[in-house]
């Protein structure tokens, strides 16, 4: 269906999200059980959730944003960065969840 698998795309997405200005933290968007199994098998695990179904791709990421940053602008920048990681023509839905606001360092 795609040139790049969901498993191969997820780490790319993690890098793009963490490189986006305004993102203070990235949290797992994947179920705990799936991450635990992958961690045992691989030793690593992507935080982004990437699912392929019915000739479409669904991507979900969870981020933490400082109270000093514009949450909507950061989430929009993250969505654009995520879309830029997938060079295929498969339609993708990108969800950016702001899991919590991180207080600025004092």
N, C-alpha and C. Protein backbone atom coordinates (compact mmCIF):
# COMPACT_ATOMS: atom_id res chain seq x y z
N UNK A 1 0.81 -1.19 0.00
CA UNK A 1 0.00 0.00 0.00
C UNK A 1 0.86 1.26 0.00
N UNK A 2 1.95 1.28 0.75
CA UNK A 2 2.80 2.46 0.81
C UNK A 2 4.25 2.06 0.60
N UNK A 3 5.06 3.05 0.32
CA UNK A 3 6.49 2.81 0.15
C UNK A 3 7.19 2.64 1.48
N UNK A 4 6.65 3.21 2.52
CA UNK A 4 7.26 3.14 3.84
C UNK A 4 6.22 2.57 4.82
N UNK A 5 6.67 1.64 5.62
CA UNK A 5 5.75 1.02 6.57
C UNK A 5 5.47 1.94 7.74
N UNK A 6 4.39 1.66 8.43
CA UNK A 6 4.04 2.44 9.62
C UNK A 6 5.15 2.34 10.67
N UNK A 7 5.71 1.15 10.83
CA UNK A 7 6.79 0.95 11.82
C UNK A 7 8.04 1.75 11.47
N UNK A 8 8.33 1.90 10.19
CA UNK A 8 9.49 2.67 9.77
C UNK A 8 9.23 4.18 9.82
N UNK A 9 7.98 4.56 9.63
CA UNK A 9 7.63 5.98 9.62
C UNK A 9 7.57 6.58 11.03
N UNK A 10 7.14 5.81 12.00
CA UNK A 10 6.94 6.34 13.36
C UNK A 10 8.20 6.99 13.95
N UNK A 11 9.39 6.38 13.86
CA UNK A 11 10.58 7.06 14.40
C UNK A 11 10.90 8.37 13.68
N UNK A 12 10.64 8.43 12.37
CA UNK A 12 10.83 9.69 11.62
C UNK A 12 9.91 10.77 12.17
N UNK A 13 8.68 10.38 12.44
CA UNK A 13 7.71 11.33 12.98
C UNK A 13 8.17 11.83 14.34
N UNK A 14 8.65 10.92 15.19
CA UNK A 14 9.15 11.33 16.51
C UNK A 14 10.22 12.40 16.38
N UNK A 15 11.16 12.20 15.47
CA UNK A 15 12.23 13.19 15.26
C UNK A 15 11.68 14.52 14.78
N UNK A 16 10.75 14.49 13.85
CA UNK A 16 10.17 15.72 13.32
C UNK A 16 9.40 16.48 14.40
N UNK A 17 8.68 15.76 15.22
CA UNK A 17 7.89 16.40 16.29
C UNK A 17 8.81 17.04 17.31
N UNK A 18 9.81 16.31 17.78
CA UNK A 18 10.70 16.86 18.80
C UNK A 18 11.55 18.02 18.28
N UNK A 19 11.73 18.11 16.96
CA UNK A 19 12.49 19.21 16.37
C UNK A 19 11.63 20.45 16.13
N UNK A 20 10.34 20.35 16.33
CA UNK A 20 9.43 21.47 16.07
C UNK A 20 9.53 22.48 17.21
N UNK A 21 9.70 23.74 16.83
CA UNK A 21 9.81 24.80 17.83
C UNK A 21 8.52 24.88 18.65
N UNK A 22 8.69 24.96 19.96
CA UNK A 22 7.54 25.06 20.86
C UNK A 22 7.19 23.75 21.53
N UNK A 23 7.66 22.64 20.99
CA UNK A 23 7.38 21.34 21.62
C UNK A 23 8.37 21.15 22.76
N UNK A 24 7.86 21.05 23.97
CA UNK A 24 8.71 20.87 25.15
C UNK A 24 8.87 19.40 25.51
N UNK A 25 7.84 18.61 25.25
CA UNK A 25 7.86 17.18 25.56
C UNK A 25 7.07 16.45 24.49
N UNK A 26 7.38 15.16 24.33
CA UNK A 26 6.58 14.29 23.47
C UNK A 26 6.23 13.06 24.29
N UNK A 27 4.97 12.69 24.24
CA UNK A 27 4.46 11.56 25.01
C UNK A 27 3.96 10.49 24.06
N UNK A 28 3.83 9.30 24.57
CA UNK A 28 3.34 8.20 23.75
C UNK A 28 1.87 8.39 23.38
N UNK A 29 1.59 8.20 22.11
CA UNK A 29 0.22 8.23 21.62
C UNK A 29 -0.27 6.80 21.39
N UNK A 30 0.58 5.85 21.73
CA UNK A 30 0.27 4.44 21.49
C UNK A 30 -0.17 3.78 22.79
N UNK A 31 -0.96 2.73 22.68
CA UNK A 31 -1.38 2.00 23.88
C UNK A 31 -0.18 1.47 24.67
N UNK A 32 -0.31 1.48 25.98
CA UNK A 32 0.78 1.05 26.85
C UNK A 32 1.23 -0.38 26.54
N UNK A 33 0.29 -1.27 26.30
CA UNK A 33 0.63 -2.67 26.03
C UNK A 33 1.48 -2.78 24.76
N UNK A 34 1.10 -2.07 23.71
CA UNK A 34 1.86 -2.12 22.46
C UNK A 34 3.27 -1.60 22.67
N UNK A 35 3.42 -0.53 23.42
CA UNK A 35 4.76 0.02 23.68
C UNK A 35 5.59 -0.94 24.52
N UNK A 36 4.97 -1.58 25.49
CA UNK A 36 5.70 -2.51 26.35
C UNK A 36 6.21 -3.70 25.55
N UNK A 37 5.37 -4.26 24.70
CA UNK A 37 5.78 -5.40 23.87
C UNK A 37 6.91 -4.99 22.94
N UNK A 38 6.77 -3.84 22.29
CA UNK A 38 7.82 -3.37 21.38
C UNK A 38 9.13 -3.12 22.13
N UNK A 39 9.03 -2.59 23.34
CA UNK A 39 10.23 -2.32 24.13
C UNK A 39 10.96 -3.62 24.47
N UNK A 40 10.21 -4.66 24.80
CA UNK A 40 10.83 -5.95 25.12
C UNK A 40 11.49 -6.56 23.88
N UNK A 41 10.81 -6.47 22.73
CA UNK A 41 11.32 -7.06 21.50
C UNK A 41 12.45 -6.24 20.90
N UNK A 42 12.26 -4.94 20.82
CA UNK A 42 13.19 -4.04 20.12
C UNK A 42 14.16 -3.30 21.05
N UNK A 43 13.74 -3.03 22.26
CA UNK A 43 14.54 -2.20 23.14
C UNK A 43 14.24 -0.72 22.95
N UNK A 44 13.57 -0.39 21.89
CA UNK A 44 13.17 0.98 21.57
C UNK A 44 11.70 0.96 21.20
N UNK A 45 11.12 2.10 21.13
CA UNK A 45 9.74 2.17 20.70
C UNK A 45 9.38 3.59 20.34
N UNK A 46 8.70 3.74 19.24
CA UNK A 46 8.28 5.07 18.80
C UNK A 46 7.14 5.58 19.67
N UNK A 47 7.07 6.88 19.79
CA UNK A 47 5.99 7.50 20.56
C UNK A 47 4.78 7.79 19.69
N UNK A 48 5.01 8.05 18.42
CA UNK A 48 3.90 8.34 17.49
C UNK A 48 3.13 7.06 17.19
N UNK A 49 1.83 7.21 17.03
CA UNK A 49 0.97 6.09 16.63
C UNK A 49 0.68 6.25 15.14
N UNK A 50 1.03 5.23 14.35
CA UNK A 50 0.80 5.25 12.91
C UNK A 50 0.04 3.99 12.55
N UNK A 51 -1.15 4.16 11.99
CA UNK A 51 -1.99 3.03 11.62
C UNK A 51 -2.37 3.14 10.15
N UNK A 52 -2.21 2.04 9.43
CA UNK A 52 -2.61 1.96 8.02
C UNK A 52 -3.86 1.08 7.93
N UNK A 53 -4.89 1.61 7.28
CA UNK A 53 -6.11 0.83 7.09
C UNK A 53 -6.91 1.42 5.93
N UNK A 54 -7.46 0.55 5.12
CA UNK A 54 -8.35 0.98 4.03
C UNK A 54 -7.74 2.05 3.13
N UNK A 55 -6.50 1.84 2.70
CA UNK A 55 -5.81 2.77 1.81
C UNK A 55 -5.71 4.17 2.37
N UNK A 56 -5.62 4.28 3.69
CA UNK A 56 -5.45 5.58 4.34
C UNK A 56 -4.54 5.37 5.55
N UNK A 57 -3.96 6.45 6.01
CA UNK A 57 -3.04 6.39 7.15
C UNK A 57 -3.54 7.35 8.22
N UNK A 58 -3.49 6.89 9.46
CA UNK A 58 -3.87 7.71 10.60
C UNK A 58 -2.64 7.86 11.49
N UNK A 59 -2.29 9.12 11.78
CA UNK A 59 -1.10 9.41 12.59
C UNK A 59 -1.54 10.25 13.79
N UNK A 60 -1.13 9.82 14.97
CA UNK A 60 -1.45 10.56 16.19
C UNK A 60 -0.17 10.80 16.98
N UNK A 61 0.00 12.03 17.46
CA UNK A 61 1.13 12.37 18.32
C UNK A 61 0.60 13.14 19.53
N UNK A 62 1.30 13.03 20.65
CA UNK A 62 0.95 13.77 21.87
C UNK A 62 2.15 14.63 22.26
N UNK A 63 1.88 15.90 22.51
CA UNK A 63 2.97 16.83 22.83
C UNK A 63 2.66 17.61 24.10
N UNK A 64 3.71 18.15 24.69
CA UNK A 64 3.60 19.08 25.79
C UNK A 64 4.10 20.44 25.32
N UNK A 65 3.35 21.48 25.65
CA UNK A 65 3.67 22.84 25.19
C UNK A 65 3.74 23.75 26.40
N UNK A 66 4.69 24.66 26.41
CA UNK A 66 4.84 25.62 27.49
C UNK A 66 3.64 26.56 27.54
N UNK A 67 3.34 27.02 28.72
CA UNK A 67 2.25 27.99 28.87
C UNK A 67 2.58 29.31 28.18
N UNK A 68 3.85 29.53 27.86
CA UNK A 68 4.26 30.77 27.21
C UNK A 68 4.13 30.71 25.70
N UNK A 69 3.88 29.53 25.14
CA UNK A 69 3.77 29.37 23.69
C UNK A 69 2.31 29.28 23.26
N UNK A 70 2.05 29.64 22.02
CA UNK A 70 0.72 29.55 21.43
C UNK A 70 0.46 28.08 21.08
N UNK A 71 -0.40 27.44 21.86
CA UNK A 71 -0.66 26.01 21.70
C UNK A 71 -1.15 25.66 20.31
N UNK A 72 -2.05 26.47 19.77
CA UNK A 72 -2.62 26.20 18.45
C UNK A 72 -1.54 26.30 17.38
N UNK A 73 -0.70 27.32 17.47
CA UNK A 73 0.38 27.49 16.48
C UNK A 73 1.37 26.33 16.55
N UNK A 74 1.72 25.90 17.76
CA UNK A 74 2.66 24.79 17.90
C UNK A 74 2.03 23.51 17.34
N UNK A 75 0.78 23.25 17.68
CA UNK A 75 0.10 22.05 17.18
C UNK A 75 0.01 22.07 15.66
N UNK A 76 -0.25 23.22 15.06
CA UNK A 76 -0.30 23.33 13.60
C UNK A 76 1.07 23.07 12.98
N UNK A 77 2.13 23.59 13.62
CA UNK A 77 3.48 23.37 13.12
C UNK A 77 3.85 21.89 13.23
N UNK A 78 3.43 21.24 14.29
CA UNK A 78 3.69 19.81 14.46
C UNK A 78 2.98 19.02 13.36
N UNK A 79 1.71 19.34 13.10
CA UNK A 79 0.96 18.64 12.05
C UNK A 79 1.65 18.79 10.70
N UNK A 80 2.14 19.98 10.40
CA UNK A 80 2.84 20.21 9.14
C UNK A 80 4.14 19.40 9.09
N UNK A 81 4.86 19.35 10.20
CA UNK A 81 6.11 18.58 10.25
C UNK A 81 5.83 17.09 10.07
N UNK A 82 4.76 16.61 10.68
CA UNK A 82 4.40 15.19 10.55
C UNK A 82 4.05 14.87 9.10
N UNK A 83 3.27 15.72 8.47
CA UNK A 83 2.92 15.49 7.06
C UNK A 83 4.16 15.47 6.17
N UNK A 84 5.17 16.24 6.52
CA UNK A 84 6.40 16.30 5.74
C UNK A 84 7.27 15.06 5.84
N UNK A 85 7.00 14.19 6.82
CA UNK A 85 7.81 12.98 6.97
C UNK A 85 7.37 11.85 6.05
N UNK A 86 6.14 11.91 5.56
CA UNK A 86 5.58 10.83 4.74
C UNK A 86 5.55 11.27 3.29
N UNK A 87 6.43 10.69 2.49
CA UNK A 87 6.56 11.10 1.09
C UNK A 87 5.64 10.33 0.15
N UNK A 88 4.76 9.52 0.70
CA UNK A 88 3.84 8.74 -0.13
C UNK A 88 2.62 9.57 -0.49
N UNK A 89 1.80 9.04 -1.37
CA UNK A 89 0.57 9.74 -1.77
C UNK A 89 -0.64 9.20 -1.03
N UNK A 90 -0.42 8.37 -0.02
CA UNK A 90 -1.52 7.81 0.76
C UNK A 90 -2.14 8.93 1.59
N UNK A 91 -3.47 9.07 1.54
CA UNK A 91 -4.12 10.10 2.36
C UNK A 91 -3.85 9.84 3.85
N UNK A 92 -3.53 10.89 4.57
CA UNK A 92 -3.23 10.74 5.99
C UNK A 92 -4.04 11.72 6.82
N UNK A 93 -4.53 11.23 7.94
CA UNK A 93 -5.17 12.07 8.95
C UNK A 93 -4.16 12.24 10.06
N UNK A 94 -3.87 13.48 10.42
CA UNK A 94 -2.91 13.76 11.48
C UNK A 94 -3.64 14.38 12.66
N UNK A 95 -3.47 13.75 13.83
CA UNK A 95 -4.05 14.27 15.07
C UNK A 95 -2.91 14.67 15.99
N UNK A 96 -2.99 15.88 16.52
CA UNK A 96 -2.00 16.35 17.48
C UNK A 96 -2.74 16.59 18.78
N UNK A 97 -2.38 15.83 19.79
CA UNK A 97 -2.98 16.00 21.11
C UNK A 97 -2.01 16.76 22.00
N UNK A 98 -2.51 17.79 22.65
CA UNK A 98 -1.70 18.48 23.63
C UNK A 98 -2.02 17.81 24.96
N UNK A 99 -1.12 16.94 25.38
CA UNK A 99 -1.38 16.08 26.53
C UNK A 99 -1.42 16.87 27.84
N UNK A 100 -0.58 17.86 27.96
CA UNK A 100 -0.59 18.73 29.13
C UNK A 100 0.27 19.94 28.83
N UNK A 101 0.01 20.99 29.53
CA UNK A 101 0.85 22.18 29.39
C UNK A 101 1.99 22.08 30.39
N UNK A 102 3.17 22.31 29.92
CA UNK A 102 4.36 22.23 30.77
C UNK A 102 4.70 23.64 31.24
N UNK A 103 4.80 23.79 32.55
CA UNK A 103 5.12 25.11 33.10
C UNK A 103 6.53 25.51 32.69
N UNK A 104 6.74 26.79 32.40
CA UNK A 104 8.09 27.22 32.02
C UNK A 104 9.07 27.04 33.18
N UNK A 105 10.30 26.79 32.83
CA UNK A 105 11.34 26.64 33.85
C UNK A 105 11.52 27.93 34.61
N UNK A 106 11.70 27.84 35.91
CA UNK A 106 11.87 29.07 36.69
C UNK A 106 13.26 29.20 37.23
